[in-house]
């Protein structure tokens, strides 16, 4: 039997859709952030805290990805930020075609910042380009400090590593030094922020960082 070689990437359709999205976002000068983490790391709590500081200065929208419920969408709307839900059913990631569809509902024009809160999972979301400018991976101190070594792809594909819930450090067996060392072993140029959404520690620096990126995208030709 003659061997047939197929060179097309499995994710090529998603990559084409992501390229289409990236071009739209570039035209509209919209900064797009893809947030990834395991379930319960605190992505939505972080967004509640930071977006309430930014919403009166910038036009912001959030796309929420979850297997079921609109709970996180409702939490974002409660702080006065537009949000739209993707319920994936059983899928553990979002795809570019889904983002495109929801952006058409939101309206691409005049968005300064689009946040994509991906499905809680440290594996699948790392493989799917969504046309984003920045990938954020979040880890909480209630998880293992060896997570970067166990899930290297998501850390390697990320630009920012947020260590959340640092207010709980006195009560958990977690080494910040090991976590940061492990993350830098995977990718040595990660921007790293340590935060607490309970007492707002570290949020000023992250807010300033995001604003810098929004303004830089606006200056892009």
N, C-alpha and C. Protein backbone atom coordinates (compact mmCIF):
# COMPACT_ATOMS: atom_id res chain seq x y z
N UNK A 1 0.84 -1.18 0.00
CA UNK A 1 0.00 0.00 0.00
C UNK A 1 0.88 1.24 0.00
N UNK A 2 0.57 2.19 -0.84
CA UNK A 2 1.36 3.42 -0.94
C UNK A 2 1.16 4.28 0.31
N UNK A 3 2.26 4.75 0.84
CA UNK A 3 2.22 5.60 2.02
C UNK A 3 1.85 7.02 1.63
N UNK A 4 0.90 7.60 2.33
CA UNK A 4 0.47 8.98 2.07
C UNK A 4 0.96 9.86 3.21
N UNK A 5 1.69 10.90 2.87
CA UNK A 5 2.21 11.82 3.87
C UNK A 5 1.36 13.08 3.91
N UNK A 6 0.89 13.43 5.09
CA UNK A 6 0.09 14.64 5.27
C UNK A 6 0.90 15.61 6.11
N UNK A 7 1.22 16.76 5.56
CA UNK A 7 2.07 17.72 6.24
C UNK A 7 1.30 18.84 6.92
N UNK A 8 0.00 18.87 6.74
CA UNK A 8 -0.80 19.94 7.32
C UNK A 8 -0.90 19.77 8.83
N UNK A 9 -0.67 20.86 9.58
CA UNK A 9 -0.79 20.81 11.03
C UNK A 9 -2.23 20.55 11.45
N UNK A 10 -2.39 19.78 12.53
CA UNK A 10 -3.73 19.48 13.03
C UNK A 10 -4.47 20.76 13.39
N UNK A 11 -3.74 21.73 13.94
CA UNK A 11 -4.37 22.96 14.40
C UNK A 11 -4.35 24.07 13.34
N UNK A 12 -4.07 23.71 12.07
CA UNK A 12 -3.90 24.75 11.06
C UNK A 12 -5.16 25.59 10.86
N UNK A 13 -6.35 24.99 10.95
CA UNK A 13 -7.58 25.77 10.80
C UNK A 13 -7.70 26.79 11.92
N UNK A 14 -7.42 26.35 13.15
CA UNK A 14 -7.46 27.29 14.26
C UNK A 14 -6.41 28.38 14.10
N UNK A 15 -5.23 28.01 13.61
CA UNK A 15 -4.16 28.99 13.42
C UNK A 15 -4.54 30.04 12.37
N UNK A 16 -5.23 29.60 11.33
CA UNK A 16 -5.69 30.55 10.31
C UNK A 16 -6.74 31.50 10.89
N UNK A 17 -7.65 30.94 11.68
CA UNK A 17 -8.66 31.78 12.32
C UNK A 17 -8.01 32.77 13.29
N UNK A 18 -6.98 32.31 14.00
CA UNK A 18 -6.28 33.17 14.94
C UNK A 18 -5.56 34.30 14.22
N UNK A 19 -4.97 33.99 13.08
CA UNK A 19 -4.30 35.03 12.29
C UNK A 19 -5.30 36.09 11.82
N UNK A 20 -6.47 35.63 11.41
CA UNK A 20 -7.55 36.53 11.01
C UNK A 20 -7.94 37.44 12.18
N UNK A 21 -8.08 36.85 13.36
CA UNK A 21 -8.40 37.63 14.55
C UNK A 21 -7.31 38.64 14.88
N UNK A 22 -6.06 38.18 14.82
CA UNK A 22 -4.94 39.05 15.18
C UNK A 22 -4.89 40.28 14.26
N UNK A 23 -5.19 40.06 13.00
CA UNK A 23 -5.20 41.19 12.06
C UNK A 23 -6.31 42.18 12.42
N UNK A 24 -7.47 41.68 12.80
CA UNK A 24 -8.57 42.57 13.21
C UNK A 24 -8.20 43.35 14.46
N UNK A 25 -7.63 42.66 15.42
CA UNK A 25 -7.25 43.32 16.66
C UNK A 25 -6.16 44.37 16.41
N UNK A 26 -5.26 44.08 15.48
CA UNK A 26 -4.21 45.03 15.14
C UNK A 26 -4.80 46.27 14.48
N UNK A 27 -5.74 46.06 13.57
CA UNK A 27 -6.39 47.18 12.88
C UNK A 27 -7.11 48.09 13.87
N UNK A 28 -7.77 47.47 14.85
CA UNK A 28 -8.54 48.23 15.83
C UNK A 28 -7.72 48.65 17.05
N UNK A 29 -6.44 48.23 17.07
CA UNK A 29 -5.53 48.57 18.17
C UNK A 29 -6.07 48.11 19.52
N UNK A 30 -6.62 46.91 19.53
CA UNK A 30 -7.17 46.31 20.74
C UNK A 30 -6.14 45.38 21.36
N UNK A 31 -5.80 45.61 22.62
CA UNK A 31 -4.93 44.70 23.34
C UNK A 31 -5.75 43.49 23.78
N UNK A 32 -5.24 42.30 23.50
CA UNK A 32 -5.96 41.07 23.82
C UNK A 32 -5.10 40.21 24.75
N UNK A 33 -5.68 39.87 25.89
CA UNK A 33 -4.99 39.06 26.89
C UNK A 33 -5.75 37.75 27.07
N UNK A 34 -5.03 36.64 26.99
CA UNK A 34 -5.58 35.31 27.21
C UNK A 34 -5.12 34.83 28.58
N UNK A 35 -6.08 34.63 29.50
CA UNK A 35 -5.76 34.20 30.86
C UNK A 35 -6.02 32.72 31.02
N UNK A 36 -5.00 32.00 31.51
CA UNK A 36 -5.08 30.56 31.67
C UNK A 36 -4.65 30.17 33.08
N UNK A 37 -5.27 29.10 33.59
CA UNK A 37 -4.89 28.57 34.90
C UNK A 37 -5.66 27.28 35.12
N UNK A 38 -5.33 26.60 36.21
CA UNK A 38 -6.17 25.49 36.64
C UNK A 38 -7.43 26.06 37.30
N UNK A 39 -8.47 25.25 37.49
CA UNK A 39 -9.68 25.76 38.15
C UNK A 39 -9.38 26.25 39.57
N UNK A 40 -9.94 27.40 39.92
CA UNK A 40 -9.84 27.88 41.28
C UNK A 40 -8.61 28.68 41.62
N UNK A 41 -7.79 29.00 40.62
CA UNK A 41 -6.58 29.78 40.90
C UNK A 41 -6.88 31.25 41.20
N UNK A 42 -8.04 31.72 40.74
CA UNK A 42 -8.44 33.09 41.06
C UNK A 42 -8.47 34.04 39.90
N UNK A 43 -8.64 33.53 38.68
CA UNK A 43 -8.66 34.41 37.51
C UNK A 43 -9.78 35.44 37.59
N UNK A 44 -10.99 34.99 37.93
CA UNK A 44 -12.13 35.91 37.95
C UNK A 44 -11.98 36.92 39.07
N UNK A 45 -11.51 36.50 40.23
CA UNK A 45 -11.28 37.44 41.33
C UNK A 45 -10.27 38.50 40.93
N UNK A 46 -9.23 38.08 40.24
CA UNK A 46 -8.23 39.03 39.75
C UNK A 46 -8.86 40.04 38.79
N UNK A 47 -9.68 39.55 37.86
CA UNK A 47 -10.32 40.45 36.90
C UNK A 47 -11.25 41.43 37.61
N UNK A 48 -12.00 40.96 38.59
CA UNK A 48 -12.88 41.85 39.34
C UNK A 48 -12.09 42.99 39.97
N UNK A 49 -10.94 42.67 40.52
CA UNK A 49 -10.14 43.66 41.22
C UNK A 49 -9.46 44.66 40.27
N UNK A 50 -8.94 44.16 39.16
CA UNK A 50 -8.17 45.02 38.26
C UNK A 50 -9.06 45.79 37.30
N UNK A 51 -10.07 45.14 36.76
CA UNK A 51 -10.90 45.81 35.75
C UNK A 51 -11.74 46.94 36.34
N UNK A 52 -12.10 46.83 37.62
CA UNK A 52 -12.85 47.92 38.24
C UNK A 52 -12.00 49.19 38.29
N UNK A 53 -10.69 49.02 38.29
CA UNK A 53 -9.77 50.17 38.28
C UNK A 53 -9.60 50.76 36.89
N UNK A 54 -9.86 49.94 35.86
CA UNK A 54 -9.59 50.36 34.49
C UNK A 54 -10.83 50.74 33.69
N UNK A 55 -12.00 50.34 34.17
CA UNK A 55 -13.20 50.42 33.34
C UNK A 55 -13.61 51.84 32.98
N UNK A 56 -13.27 52.83 33.81
CA UNK A 56 -13.65 54.20 33.51
C UNK A 56 -12.65 54.91 32.61
N UNK A 57 -11.53 54.26 32.34
CA UNK A 57 -10.48 54.85 31.50
C UNK A 57 -10.42 54.23 30.12
N UNK A 58 -10.90 52.98 30.02
CA UNK A 58 -10.77 52.25 28.76
C UNK A 58 -12.05 51.50 28.44
N UNK A 59 -12.24 51.22 27.15
CA UNK A 59 -13.36 50.41 26.70
C UNK A 59 -12.94 48.94 26.79
N UNK A 60 -13.56 48.19 27.70
CA UNK A 60 -13.11 46.84 28.03
C UNK A 60 -14.26 45.85 27.83
N UNK A 61 -13.89 44.65 27.40
CA UNK A 61 -14.85 43.54 27.36
C UNK A 61 -14.13 42.26 27.77
N UNK A 62 -14.92 41.31 28.27
CA UNK A 62 -14.38 40.03 28.71
C UNK A 62 -15.16 38.91 28.04
N UNK A 63 -14.43 37.93 27.54
CA UNK A 63 -15.04 36.69 27.06
C UNK A 63 -14.74 35.61 28.09
N UNK A 64 -15.79 35.02 28.64
CA UNK A 64 -15.66 34.00 29.68
C UNK A 64 -15.83 32.61 29.08
N UNK A 65 -14.86 31.73 29.35
CA UNK A 65 -14.95 30.35 28.91
C UNK A 65 -15.13 29.40 30.07
N UNK A 66 -16.21 28.63 30.07
CA UNK A 66 -16.46 27.63 31.10
C UNK A 66 -17.19 26.46 30.49
N UNK A 67 -17.07 25.30 31.13
CA UNK A 67 -17.81 24.14 30.66
C UNK A 67 -19.32 24.37 30.81
N UNK A 68 -19.73 24.93 31.94
CA UNK A 68 -21.13 25.20 32.21
C UNK A 68 -21.24 26.50 33.03
N UNK A 69 -22.44 27.00 33.17
CA UNK A 69 -22.85 28.16 33.96
C UNK A 69 -22.37 29.48 33.36
N UNK A 70 -23.02 30.56 33.81
CA UNK A 70 -22.61 31.92 33.46
C UNK A 70 -22.17 32.68 34.71
N UNK A 71 -21.73 31.96 35.72
CA UNK A 71 -21.40 32.58 37.00
C UNK A 71 -20.31 33.65 36.87
N UNK A 72 -19.23 33.34 36.15
CA UNK A 72 -18.13 34.29 36.03
C UNK A 72 -18.53 35.50 35.19
N UNK A 73 -19.31 35.27 34.15
CA UNK A 73 -19.83 36.38 33.34
C UNK A 73 -20.64 37.34 34.21
N UNK A 74 -21.48 36.79 35.06
CA UNK A 74 -22.31 37.62 35.93
C UNK A 74 -21.46 38.41 36.92
N UNK A 75 -20.38 37.81 37.40
CA UNK A 75 -19.49 38.51 38.32
C UNK A 75 -18.81 39.70 37.63
N UNK A 76 -18.41 39.52 36.39
CA UNK A 76 -17.76 40.62 35.66
C UNK A 76 -18.77 41.72 35.34
N UNK A 77 -19.96 41.34 34.94
CA UNK A 77 -21.00 42.34 34.65
C UNK A 77 -21.36 43.13 35.90
N UNK A 78 -21.26 42.49 37.06
CA UNK A 78 -21.63 43.15 38.32
C UNK A 78 -20.70 44.32 38.65
N UNK A 79 -19.47 44.33 38.10
CA UNK A 79 -18.56 45.45 38.33
C UNK A 79 -18.66 46.50 37.22
N UNK A 80 -19.58 46.28 36.27
CA UNK A 80 -19.80 47.28 35.24
C UNK A 80 -18.97 47.11 33.99
N UNK A 81 -18.51 45.89 33.73
CA UNK A 81 -17.72 45.60 32.52
C UNK A 81 -18.51 44.63 31.65
N UNK A 82 -18.53 44.88 30.35
CA UNK A 82 -19.25 43.99 29.43
C UNK A 82 -18.60 42.62 29.42
N UNK A 83 -19.44 41.58 29.42
CA UNK A 83 -18.93 40.21 29.38
C UNK A 83 -19.86 39.36 28.55
N UNK A 84 -19.28 38.35 27.94
CA UNK A 84 -20.05 37.43 27.11
C UNK A 84 -19.52 36.02 27.38
N UNK A 85 -20.42 35.04 27.37
CA UNK A 85 -20.08 33.69 27.82
C UNK A 85 -19.92 32.73 26.65
N UNK A 86 -18.92 31.85 26.76
CA UNK A 86 -18.82 30.67 25.91
C UNK A 86 -18.93 29.46 26.82
N UNK A 87 -19.97 28.66 26.63
CA UNK A 87 -20.11 27.40 27.36
C UNK A 87 -19.65 26.28 26.44
N UNK A 88 -18.57 25.62 26.84
CA UNK A 88 -17.94 24.64 25.94
C UNK A 88 -18.54 23.25 26.06
N UNK A 89 -19.40 23.02 27.05
CA UNK A 89 -19.91 21.67 27.25
C UNK A 89 -18.83 20.81 27.87
N UNK A 90 -18.17 19.98 27.06
CA UNK A 90 -17.10 19.14 27.58
C UNK A 90 -15.72 19.56 27.15
N UNK A 91 -15.62 20.57 26.29
CA UNK A 91 -14.31 20.97 25.77
C UNK A 91 -13.50 21.71 26.83
N UNK A 92 -12.20 21.42 26.89
CA UNK A 92 -11.35 21.97 27.95
C UNK A 92 -10.53 23.16 27.46
N UNK A 93 -10.95 23.80 26.37
CA UNK A 93 -10.22 24.95 25.84
C UNK A 93 -11.16 25.77 24.98
N UNK A 94 -10.73 26.97 24.61
CA UNK A 94 -11.43 27.81 23.65
C UNK A 94 -10.70 27.78 22.33
N UNK A 95 -11.43 28.06 21.25
CA UNK A 95 -10.83 28.10 19.91
C UNK A 95 -11.08 29.46 19.28
N UNK A 96 -10.24 29.78 18.30
CA UNK A 96 -10.28 31.10 17.68
C UNK A 96 -11.62 31.39 17.01
N UNK A 97 -12.24 30.38 16.42
CA UNK A 97 -13.53 30.60 15.76
C UNK A 97 -14.59 31.04 16.75
N UNK A 98 -14.53 30.49 17.98
CA UNK A 98 -15.48 30.89 19.02
C UNK A 98 -15.25 32.34 19.45
N UNK A 99 -13.98 32.71 19.55
CA UNK A 99 -13.65 34.09 19.93
C UNK A 99 -14.13 35.05 18.86
N UNK A 100 -13.94 34.69 17.60
CA UNK A 100 -14.37 35.55 16.49
C UNK A 100 -15.89 35.76 16.54
N UNK A 101 -16.62 34.70 16.78
CA UNK A 101 -18.09 34.80 16.83
C UNK A 101 -18.53 35.73 17.95
N UNK A 102 -17.92 35.58 19.12
CA UNK A 102 -18.32 36.41 20.26
C UNK A 102 -17.88 37.86 20.08
N UNK A 103 -16.75 38.07 19.41
CA UNK A 103 -16.30 39.44 19.14
C UNK A 103 -17.24 40.14 18.17
N UNK A 104 -17.81 39.40 17.26
CA UNK A 104 -18.79 39.99 16.36
C UNK A 104 -20.03 40.44 17.14
N UNK A 105 -20.40 39.68 18.16
CA UNK A 105 -21.53 40.07 19.01
C UNK A 105 -21.18 41.29 19.86
N UNK A 106 -19.94 41.30 20.36
CA UNK A 106 -19.49 42.43 21.18
C UNK A 106 -19.25 43.68 20.35
N UNK A 107 -18.79 43.48 19.12
CA UNK A 107 -18.34 44.59 18.28
C UNK A 107 -16.85 44.80 18.44
N UNK A 108 -16.11 44.61 17.37
CA UNK A 108 -14.66 44.74 17.42
C UNK A 108 -14.22 46.19 17.65
N UNK A 109 -15.00 47.11 17.12
CA UNK A 109 -14.57 48.50 17.06
C UNK A 109 -14.50 49.13 18.45
N UNK A 110 -13.48 49.93 18.63
CA UNK A 110 -13.32 50.79 19.81
C UNK A 110 -13.00 50.04 21.11
N UNK A 111 -12.71 48.76 21.03
CA UNK A 111 -12.29 48.05 22.24
C UNK A 111 -10.82 48.34 22.50
N UNK A 112 -10.53 48.84 23.69
CA UNK A 112 -9.13 49.06 24.07
C UNK A 112 -8.51 47.79 24.63
N UNK A 113 -9.32 47.02 25.34
CA UNK A 113 -8.81 45.82 26.01
C UNK A 113 -9.85 44.72 25.95
N UNK A 114 -9.42 43.55 25.48
CA UNK A 114 -10.26 42.35 25.50
C UNK A 114 -9.55 41.30 26.34
N UNK A 115 -10.22 40.83 27.37
CA UNK A 115 -9.70 39.76 28.20
C UNK A 115 -10.44 38.47 27.85
N UNK A 116 -9.70 37.42 27.58
CA UNK A 116 -10.27 36.09 27.36
C UNK A 116 -9.93 35.26 28.60
N UNK A 117 -10.94 34.94 29.40
CA UNK A 117 -10.71 34.06 30.55
C UNK A 117 -10.96 32.64 30.09
N UNK A 118 -9.89 31.92 29.85
CA UNK A 118 -9.98 30.59 29.26
C UNK A 118 -10.52 29.57 30.26
N UNK A 119 -10.87 28.43 29.75
CA UNK A 119 -11.36 27.34 30.59
C UNK A 119 -10.27 26.93 31.58
N UNK A 120 -10.66 26.64 32.82
CA UNK A 120 -9.69 26.23 33.83
C UNK A 120 -9.05 24.90 33.50
N UNK A 121 -7.80 24.96 33.02
CA UNK A 121 -7.10 23.75 32.58
C UNK A 121 -5.66 24.16 32.27
N UNK A 122 -4.70 23.36 32.68
CA UNK A 122 -3.29 23.69 32.43
C UNK A 122 -2.70 22.96 31.24
N UNK A 123 -3.55 22.26 30.47
CA UNK A 123 -3.03 21.49 29.33
C UNK A 123 -3.52 22.06 28.00
N UNK A 124 -4.79 21.82 27.69
CA UNK A 124 -5.31 22.13 26.35
C UNK A 124 -5.22 23.61 25.94
N UNK A 125 -5.57 24.58 26.81
CA UNK A 125 -5.55 25.97 26.36
C UNK A 125 -4.20 26.44 25.84
N UNK A 126 -3.12 25.82 26.30
CA UNK A 126 -1.78 26.25 25.88
C UNK A 126 -1.52 25.99 24.41
N UNK A 127 -2.30 25.10 23.80
CA UNK A 127 -2.05 24.69 22.42
C UNK A 127 -2.82 25.53 21.40
N UNK A 128 -3.76 26.35 21.84
CA UNK A 128 -4.67 27.02 20.91
C UNK A 128 -4.43 28.53 20.87
N UNK A 129 -3.99 29.00 19.72
CA UNK A 129 -3.81 30.42 19.49
C UNK A 129 -5.19 31.07 19.33
N UNK A 130 -5.40 32.18 20.04
CA UNK A 130 -6.68 32.89 19.98
C UNK A 130 -6.52 34.30 19.42
N UNK A 131 -5.36 34.58 18.82
CA UNK A 131 -5.11 35.90 18.29
C UNK A 131 -4.68 36.91 19.33
N UNK A 132 -4.31 36.42 20.51
CA UNK A 132 -3.97 37.28 21.64
C UNK A 132 -2.60 37.93 21.47
N UNK A 133 -2.41 39.03 22.20
CA UNK A 133 -1.10 39.67 22.30
C UNK A 133 -0.29 39.09 23.45
N UNK A 134 -0.98 38.74 24.53
CA UNK A 134 -0.31 38.33 25.76
C UNK A 134 -1.00 37.09 26.32
N UNK A 135 -0.21 36.10 26.70
CA UNK A 135 -0.69 34.96 27.45
C UNK A 135 -0.30 35.11 28.91
N UNK A 136 -1.27 34.97 29.79
CA UNK A 136 -1.01 34.96 31.22
C UNK A 136 -1.33 33.58 31.78
N UNK A 137 -0.41 33.04 32.57
CA UNK A 137 -0.70 31.83 33.32
C UNK A 137 -0.71 32.20 34.80
N UNK A 138 -1.75 31.75 35.50
CA UNK A 138 -1.89 32.04 36.92
C UNK A 138 -1.77 30.75 37.73
N UNK A 139 -1.06 30.85 38.84
CA UNK A 139 -0.92 29.75 39.78
C UNK A 139 -1.21 30.31 41.16
N UNK A 140 -1.93 29.56 41.98
CA UNK A 140 -2.16 30.02 43.35
C UNK A 140 -1.28 29.22 44.30
N UNK A 141 -1.03 29.79 45.47
CA UNK A 141 -0.15 29.13 46.43
C UNK A 141 -0.82 27.93 47.08
N UNK A 142 -2.10 27.71 46.81
CA UNK A 142 -2.79 26.52 47.31
C UNK A 142 -2.55 25.32 46.40
N UNK A 143 -1.80 25.54 45.31
CA UNK A 143 -1.41 24.46 44.42
C UNK A 143 0.06 24.12 44.66
N UNK A 144 0.59 23.19 43.93
CA UNK A 144 1.98 22.78 44.14
C UNK A 144 2.97 23.74 43.50
N UNK A 145 4.12 23.94 44.18
CA UNK A 145 5.14 24.81 43.60
C UNK A 145 5.89 24.13 42.45
N UNK A 146 5.56 22.84 42.20
CA UNK A 146 6.17 22.13 41.06
C UNK A 146 5.29 22.16 39.82
N UNK A 147 4.18 22.90 39.87
CA UNK A 147 3.27 22.95 38.70
C UNK A 147 3.97 23.38 37.41
N UNK A 148 4.88 24.36 37.44
CA UNK A 148 5.55 24.73 36.17
C UNK A 148 6.28 23.57 35.52
N UNK A 149 6.87 22.69 36.33
CA UNK A 149 7.59 21.54 35.78
C UNK A 149 6.63 20.46 35.29
N UNK A 150 5.48 20.35 35.93
CA UNK A 150 4.50 19.35 35.52
C UNK A 150 3.74 19.76 34.25
N UNK A 151 3.58 21.06 34.07
CA UNK A 151 2.83 21.58 32.91
C UNK A 151 3.69 22.60 32.16
N UNK A 152 4.80 22.15 31.58
CA UNK A 152 5.76 23.10 31.01
C UNK A 152 5.24 23.87 29.80
N UNK A 153 4.36 23.26 29.00
CA UNK A 153 3.93 23.92 27.76
C UNK A 153 3.22 25.24 28.05
N UNK A 154 2.33 25.23 29.03
CA UNK A 154 1.55 26.45 29.30
C UNK A 154 2.45 27.55 29.85
N UNK A 155 3.48 27.18 30.61
CA UNK A 155 4.41 28.18 31.12
C UNK A 155 5.34 28.67 30.00
N UNK A 156 5.75 27.77 29.14
CA UNK A 156 6.62 28.16 28.03
C UNK A 156 5.90 29.10 27.06
N UNK A 157 4.61 28.86 26.85
CA UNK A 157 3.84 29.66 25.90
C UNK A 157 3.31 30.96 26.51
N UNK A 158 3.55 31.18 27.78
CA UNK A 158 3.04 32.38 28.44
C UNK A 158 4.08 33.49 28.47
N UNK A 159 3.56 34.70 28.60
CA UNK A 159 4.41 35.90 28.71
C UNK A 159 4.50 36.38 30.15
N UNK A 160 3.43 36.12 30.91
CA UNK A 160 3.32 36.59 32.28
C UNK A 160 2.92 35.43 33.19
N UNK A 161 3.57 35.36 34.33
CA UNK A 161 3.23 34.37 35.35
C UNK A 161 2.76 35.14 36.58
N UNK A 162 1.50 34.91 36.96
CA UNK A 162 0.94 35.54 38.16
C UNK A 162 0.83 34.49 39.26
N UNK A 163 1.47 34.76 40.38
CA UNK A 163 1.34 33.91 41.56
C UNK A 163 0.32 34.57 42.48
N UNK A 164 -0.81 33.91 42.66
CA UNK A 164 -1.94 34.49 43.36
C UNK A 164 -2.13 33.88 44.75
N UNK A 165 -2.89 34.58 45.57
CA UNK A 165 -3.26 34.16 46.93
C UNK A 165 -2.06 34.13 47.88
N UNK A 166 -1.14 35.07 47.70
CA UNK A 166 0.07 35.05 48.54
C UNK A 166 -0.25 35.38 50.00
N UNK A 167 -1.45 35.91 50.26
CA UNK A 167 -1.85 36.14 51.65
C UNK A 167 -1.99 34.84 52.43
N UNK A 168 -2.10 33.70 51.70
CA UNK A 168 -2.26 32.40 52.35
C UNK A 168 -0.92 31.70 52.61
N UNK A 169 0.17 32.31 52.23
CA UNK A 169 1.48 31.66 52.38
C UNK A 169 1.77 31.17 53.80
N UNK A 170 1.38 31.91 54.84
CA UNK A 170 1.67 31.41 56.19
C UNK A 170 0.94 30.11 56.54
N UNK A 171 -0.06 29.74 55.75
CA UNK A 171 -0.92 28.62 56.11
C UNK A 171 -0.77 27.41 55.19
N UNK A 172 0.09 27.50 54.17
CA UNK A 172 0.23 26.41 53.21
C UNK A 172 1.70 26.03 53.05
N UNK A 173 1.91 24.80 52.61
CA UNK A 173 3.26 24.31 52.37
C UNK A 173 3.62 24.59 50.91
N UNK A 174 4.07 25.80 50.66
CA UNK A 174 4.35 26.25 49.30
C UNK A 174 5.60 27.12 49.33
N UNK A 175 6.55 26.83 48.44
CA UNK A 175 7.79 27.62 48.36
C UNK A 175 7.72 28.55 47.17
N UNK A 176 7.64 29.84 47.44
CA UNK A 176 7.65 30.83 46.36
C UNK A 176 8.94 30.72 45.56
N UNK A 177 10.05 30.55 46.26
CA UNK A 177 11.35 30.48 45.59
C UNK A 177 11.39 29.30 44.61
N UNK A 178 10.89 28.14 45.03
CA UNK A 178 10.88 26.98 44.14
C UNK A 178 9.95 27.20 42.95
N UNK A 179 8.79 27.78 43.20
CA UNK A 179 7.83 28.01 42.12
C UNK A 179 8.42 28.94 41.06
N UNK A 180 9.04 30.03 41.51
CA UNK A 180 9.63 30.98 40.56
C UNK A 180 10.82 30.36 39.85
N UNK A 181 11.63 29.61 40.58
CA UNK A 181 12.78 28.94 39.95
C UNK A 181 12.31 27.93 38.90
N UNK A 182 11.28 27.17 39.25
CA UNK A 182 10.75 26.18 38.30
C UNK A 182 10.18 26.85 37.06
N UNK A 183 9.47 27.97 37.26
CA UNK A 183 8.91 28.69 36.12
C UNK A 183 10.02 29.22 35.21
N UNK A 184 11.06 29.77 35.82
CA UNK A 184 12.16 30.34 35.03
C UNK A 184 12.99 29.23 34.37
N UNK A 185 12.95 28.03 34.92
CA UNK A 185 13.60 26.90 34.27
C UNK A 185 12.92 26.61 32.93
N UNK A 186 11.61 26.78 32.91
CA UNK A 186 10.85 26.56 31.67
C UNK A 186 11.01 27.73 30.72
N UNK A 187 10.94 28.96 31.25
CA UNK A 187 11.06 30.16 30.42
C UNK A 187 11.67 31.26 31.26
N UNK A 188 12.90 31.62 30.94
CA UNK A 188 13.65 32.51 31.83
C UNK A 188 13.28 33.98 31.71
N UNK A 189 12.49 34.35 30.69
CA UNK A 189 12.13 35.76 30.54
C UNK A 189 10.66 36.04 30.85
N UNK A 190 10.04 35.18 31.65
CA UNK A 190 8.67 35.43 32.09
C UNK A 190 8.61 36.68 32.95
N UNK A 191 7.63 37.54 32.72
CA UNK A 191 7.33 38.61 33.66
C UNK A 191 6.53 38.00 34.80
N UNK A 192 6.96 38.22 36.02
CA UNK A 192 6.35 37.56 37.18
C UNK A 192 5.78 38.59 38.15
N UNK A 193 4.54 38.33 38.57
CA UNK A 193 3.87 39.18 39.55
C UNK A 193 3.33 38.31 40.67
N UNK A 194 3.50 38.78 41.89
CA UNK A 194 2.94 38.10 43.05
C UNK A 194 1.83 38.96 43.63
N UNK A 195 0.63 38.38 43.77
CA UNK A 195 -0.53 39.19 44.15
C UNK A 195 -1.40 38.50 45.19
N UNK A 196 -2.23 39.31 45.82
CA UNK A 196 -3.32 38.82 46.64
C UNK A 196 -4.56 39.62 46.28
N UNK A 197 -5.60 38.93 45.85
CA UNK A 197 -6.86 39.61 45.55
C UNK A 197 -7.64 39.93 46.82
N UNK A 198 -7.25 39.32 47.92
CA UNK A 198 -7.93 39.59 49.18
C UNK A 198 -7.48 40.91 49.80
N UNK A 199 -6.17 41.18 49.75
CA UNK A 199 -5.68 42.43 50.36
C UNK A 199 -5.08 43.40 49.35
N UNK A 200 -5.22 43.08 48.04
CA UNK A 200 -4.80 43.96 46.94
C UNK A 200 -3.28 44.06 46.78
N UNK A 201 -2.52 43.25 47.48
CA UNK A 201 -1.06 43.31 47.35
C UNK A 201 -0.65 42.97 45.91
N UNK A 202 0.20 43.80 45.33
CA UNK A 202 0.74 43.57 44.01
C UNK A 202 -0.15 44.02 42.86
N UNK A 203 -1.38 44.42 43.14
CA UNK A 203 -2.31 44.76 42.06
C UNK A 203 -1.96 46.09 41.39
N UNK A 204 -1.38 47.03 42.12
CA UNK A 204 -0.98 48.30 41.52
C UNK A 204 0.03 48.08 40.40
N UNK A 205 1.00 47.20 40.64
CA UNK A 205 2.02 46.93 39.62
C UNK A 205 1.42 46.27 38.39
N UNK A 206 0.49 45.35 38.61
CA UNK A 206 -0.14 44.68 37.47
C UNK A 206 -1.03 45.62 36.68
N UNK A 207 -1.76 46.47 37.38
CA UNK A 207 -2.59 47.47 36.70
C UNK A 207 -1.72 48.37 35.82
N UNK A 208 -0.61 48.84 36.37
CA UNK A 208 0.29 49.72 35.61
C UNK A 208 0.86 49.00 34.41
N UNK A 209 1.21 47.73 34.58
CA UNK A 209 1.76 46.93 33.48
C UNK A 209 0.75 46.80 32.34
N UNK A 210 -0.50 46.48 32.70
CA UNK A 210 -1.54 46.32 31.67
C UNK A 210 -1.79 47.64 30.96
N UNK A 211 -1.84 48.73 31.71
CA UNK A 211 -2.05 50.03 31.07
C UNK A 211 -0.92 50.38 30.10
N UNK A 212 0.29 50.05 30.48
CA UNK A 212 1.43 50.28 29.58
C UNK A 212 1.25 49.52 28.27
N UNK A 213 0.77 48.29 28.37
CA UNK A 213 0.57 47.47 27.17
C UNK A 213 -0.59 47.99 26.32
N UNK A 214 -1.66 48.47 26.97
CA UNK A 214 -2.78 49.06 26.22
C UNK A 214 -2.29 50.25 25.40
N UNK A 215 -1.55 51.13 26.04
CA UNK A 215 -1.07 52.34 25.36
C UNK A 215 -0.06 52.01 24.28
N UNK A 216 0.76 50.99 24.51
CA UNK A 216 1.73 50.58 23.49
C UNK A 216 1.01 50.06 22.25
N UNK A 217 -0.10 49.32 22.45
CA UNK A 217 -0.86 48.80 21.31
C UNK A 217 -1.49 49.95 20.54
N UNK A 218 -1.92 50.99 21.24
CA UNK A 218 -2.51 52.14 20.58
C UNK A 218 -1.48 52.88 19.70
N UNK A 219 -0.22 52.81 20.10
CA UNK A 219 0.84 53.50 19.34
C UNK A 219 1.30 52.71 18.14
N UNK A 220 0.91 51.43 18.06
CA UNK A 220 1.34 50.60 16.93
C UNK A 220 0.76 51.15 15.64
N UNK A 221 1.58 51.17 14.61
CA UNK A 221 1.10 51.69 13.31
C UNK A 221 0.28 50.65 12.58
